[in-house]
């Protein structure tokens, strides 16, 4: 993969995230109920937000 842009000398790379329906459900459950570490919840929210799969809710 090639860098998208150079920001302060850092090479930023873009990765396409596509989650399956089961993966999305697992991440949603992790973010909505129970007790989990905040870092784990944050990572789950980031993955859900980056998802470009067919089960992603389209935003306008």
C-alpha atoms as a PDB file:
ATOM      1  CA  UNK A   1       0.000   0.000   0.000  1.00  0.00           C
ATOM      2  CA  UNK A   2       1.165   3.493  -0.717  1.00  0.00           C
ATOM      3  CA  UNK A   3       0.944   6.435   1.696  1.00  0.00           C
ATOM      4  CA  UNK A   4      -2.089   8.697   1.300  1.00  0.00           C
ATOM      5  CA  UNK A   5      -0.337  11.872   2.501  1.00  0.00           C
ATOM      6  CA  UNK A   6       2.655  12.911   4.523  1.00  0.00           C
ATOM      7  CA  UNK A   7       1.781  14.681   7.784  1.00  0.00           C
ATOM      8  CA  UNK A   8       4.741  16.045   9.758  1.00  0.00           C
ATOM      9  CA  UNK A   9       6.982  13.364   8.333  1.00  0.00           C
ATOM     10  CA  UNK A  10       4.590  10.496   9.142  1.00  0.00           C
ATOM     11  CA  UNK A  11       3.405   8.202   6.379  1.00  0.00           C
ATOM     12  CA  UNK A  12      -0.325   7.686   6.777  1.00  0.00           C
ATOM     13  CA  UNK A  13      -1.671   4.523   5.173  1.00  0.00           C
ATOM     14  CA  UNK A  14      -5.283   3.747   4.382  1.00  0.00           C
ATOM     15  CA  UNK A  15      -6.739   0.338   5.024  1.00  0.00           C
ATOM     16  CA  UNK A  16     -10.197  -0.709   3.880  1.00  0.00           C
ATOM     17  CA  UNK A  17     -12.196  -2.290   6.709  1.00  0.00           C
ATOM     18  CA  UNK A  18     -15.028  -4.643   5.755  1.00  0.00           C
ATOM     19  CA  UNK A  19     -16.808  -6.395   8.601  1.00  0.00           C
ATOM     20  CA  UNK A  20     -19.158  -9.341   8.341  1.00  0.00           C
ATOM     21  CA  UNK A  21     -22.592  -9.237   9.924  1.00  0.00           C
ATOM     22  CA  UNK A  22     -21.394 -11.407  12.832  1.00  0.00           C
ATOM     23  CA  UNK A  23     -18.342  -9.208  13.433  1.00  0.00           C
ATOM     24  CA  UNK A  24     -20.519  -6.069  13.483  1.00  0.00           C
ATOM     25  CA  UNK A  25     -22.943  -7.682  15.950  1.00  0.00           C
ATOM     26  CA  UNK A  26     -20.070  -8.720  18.220  1.00  0.00           C
ATOM     27  CA  UNK A  27     -18.570  -5.216  18.205  1.00  0.00           C
ATOM     28  CA  UNK A  28     -21.978  -3.598  18.792  1.00  0.00           C
ATOM     29  CA  UNK A  29     -22.625  -5.885  21.770  1.00  0.00           C
ATOM     30  CA  UNK A  30     -19.196  -5.046  23.179  1.00  0.00           C
ATOM     31  CA  UNK A  31     -19.898  -1.303  22.977  1.00  0.00           C
ATOM     32  CA  UNK A  32     -23.449  -1.380  24.300  1.00  0.00           C
ATOM     33  CA  UNK A  33     -23.510  -3.680  27.321  1.00  0.00           C
ATOM     34  CA  UNK A  34     -21.393  -5.105  30.062  1.00  0.00           C
ATOM     35  CA  UNK A  35     -18.146  -3.896  31.554  1.00  0.00           C
ATOM     36  CA  UNK A  36     -15.155  -3.623  29.260  1.00  0.00           C
ATOM     37  CA  UNK A  37     -11.950  -1.618  29.258  1.00  0.00           C
ATOM     38  CA  UNK A  38     -12.384   1.803  27.686  1.00  0.00           C
ATOM     39  CA  UNK A  39      -9.580   1.149  25.192  1.00  0.00           C
ATOM     40  CA  UNK A  40     -11.344  -1.985  23.953  1.00  0.00           C
ATOM     41  CA  UNK A  41     -14.640  -0.095  23.542  1.00  0.00           C
ATOM     42  CA  UNK A  42     -12.863   2.739  21.712  1.00  0.00           C
ATOM     43  CA  UNK A  43     -11.213   0.303  19.289  1.00  0.00           C
ATOM     44  CA  UNK A  44     -14.579  -1.359  18.622  1.00  0.00           C
ATOM     45  CA  UNK A  45     -16.198   2.027  17.917  1.00  0.00           C
ATOM     46  CA  UNK A  46     -13.376   2.963  15.539  1.00  0.00           C
ATOM     47  CA  UNK A  47     -13.752  -0.309  13.631  1.00  0.00           C
ATOM     48  CA  UNK A  48     -17.520   0.161  13.388  1.00  0.00           C
ATOM     49  CA  UNK A  49     -17.022   3.701  12.119  1.00  0.00           C
ATOM     50  CA  UNK A  50     -14.457   2.674   9.490  1.00  0.00           C
ATOM     51  CA  UNK A  51     -16.447  -0.274   8.168  1.00  0.00           C
ATOM     52  CA  UNK A  52     -17.151  -0.133   4.431  1.00  0.00           C
ATOM     53  CA  UNK A  53     -18.857  -3.520   4.219  1.00  0.00           C
ATOM     54  CA  UNK A  54     -22.372  -4.205   2.989  1.00  0.00           C
ATOM     55  CA  UNK A  55     -23.817  -4.195   6.524  1.00  0.00           C
ATOM     56  CA  UNK A  56     -22.637  -0.652   7.311  1.00  0.00           C
ATOM     57  CA  UNK A  57     -25.444   1.840   7.853  1.00  0.00           C
ATOM     58  CA  UNK A  58     -24.987   4.481   5.171  1.00  0.00           C
ATOM     59  CA  UNK A  59     -24.543   8.030   6.471  1.00  0.00           C
ATOM     60  CA  UNK A  60     -25.443  11.082   4.455  1.00  0.00           C
END
